[in-house]
Amino acid sequence: MYKLLPIIGTLVNSTLLLSEKTRGGELTTEDKDFNRAICSTRAAIENTSQRIK
């Protein structure tokens, strides 16, 4: 169903951060895919949390 998220991002206080584009720059395809994986995982967790509440 969901792919396991590879830990290749930045960990700060046990939080996985999204990749940000530089001023006037663009995100690479790898960064976009990484952000998409984080967001889809986050959405699944938030939806499950809301159903439990």
Protein backbone atom coordinates (compact mmCIF):
# COMPACT_ATOMS: atom_id res chain seq x y z
CA MET A 1 0.00 0.00 0.00
CA TYR A 2 2.50 2.65 1.12
CA LYS A 3 6.19 2.52 0.42
CA LEU A 4 8.52 2.70 3.37
CA LEU A 5 9.95 6.19 3.57
CA PRO A 6 13.71 6.19 3.14
CA ILE A 7 15.42 8.38 5.70
CA ILE A 8 17.37 10.69 3.38
CA GLY A 9 15.97 14.04 4.52
CA THR A 10 17.04 16.31 7.31
CA LEU A 11 16.29 15.14 10.83
CA VAL A 12 15.89 17.92 13.39
CA ASN A 13 14.69 16.92 16.87
CA SER A 14 13.35 13.65 15.40
CA THR A 15 11.34 15.54 12.77
CA LEU A 16 11.74 14.89 9.05
CA LEU A 17 11.80 18.18 7.12
CA LEU A 18 10.67 18.79 3.56
CA SER A 19 13.21 19.91 0.97
CA GLU A 20 12.89 23.60 0.14
CA LYS A 21 13.82 25.33 -3.07
CA THR A 22 16.42 28.05 -3.05
CA ARG A 23 15.47 31.63 -3.87
CA GLY A 24 14.90 31.80 -7.61
CA GLY A 25 15.64 28.09 -7.99
CA GLU A 26 13.67 24.93 -8.56
CA LEU A 27 13.49 21.63 -6.73
CA THR A 28 15.09 18.63 -8.35
CA THR A 29 12.95 15.65 -9.32
CA GLU A 30 14.45 13.70 -6.41
CA ASP A 31 13.47 16.47 -3.96
CA LYS A 32 9.93 16.61 -5.37
CA ASP A 33 9.57 12.82 -5.05
CA PHE A 34 10.92 12.95 -1.49
CA ASN A 35 8.49 15.72 -0.50
CA ARG A 36 5.61 13.82 -2.12
CA ALA A 37 6.49 10.68 -0.13
CA ILE A 38 6.59 12.63 3.14
CA CYS A 39 3.27 14.37 2.42
CA SER A 40 1.45 11.19 1.43
CA THR A 41 2.70 9.43 4.56
CA ARG A 42 1.70 12.41 6.71
CA ALA A 43 -1.77 12.48 5.13
CA ALA A 44 -2.30 8.78 5.86
CA ILE A 45 -1.27 9.27 9.49
CA GLU A 46 -3.47 12.35 9.94
CA ASN A 47 -6.49 10.63 8.35
CA THR A 48 -6.08 7.64 10.65
CA SER A 49 -5.73 9.94 13.65
CA GLN A 50 -8.94 11.78 12.74
CA ARG A 51 -10.88 8.53 12.35
CA ILE A 52 -9.80 7.43 15.83
CA LYS A 53 -10.93 10.73 17.36
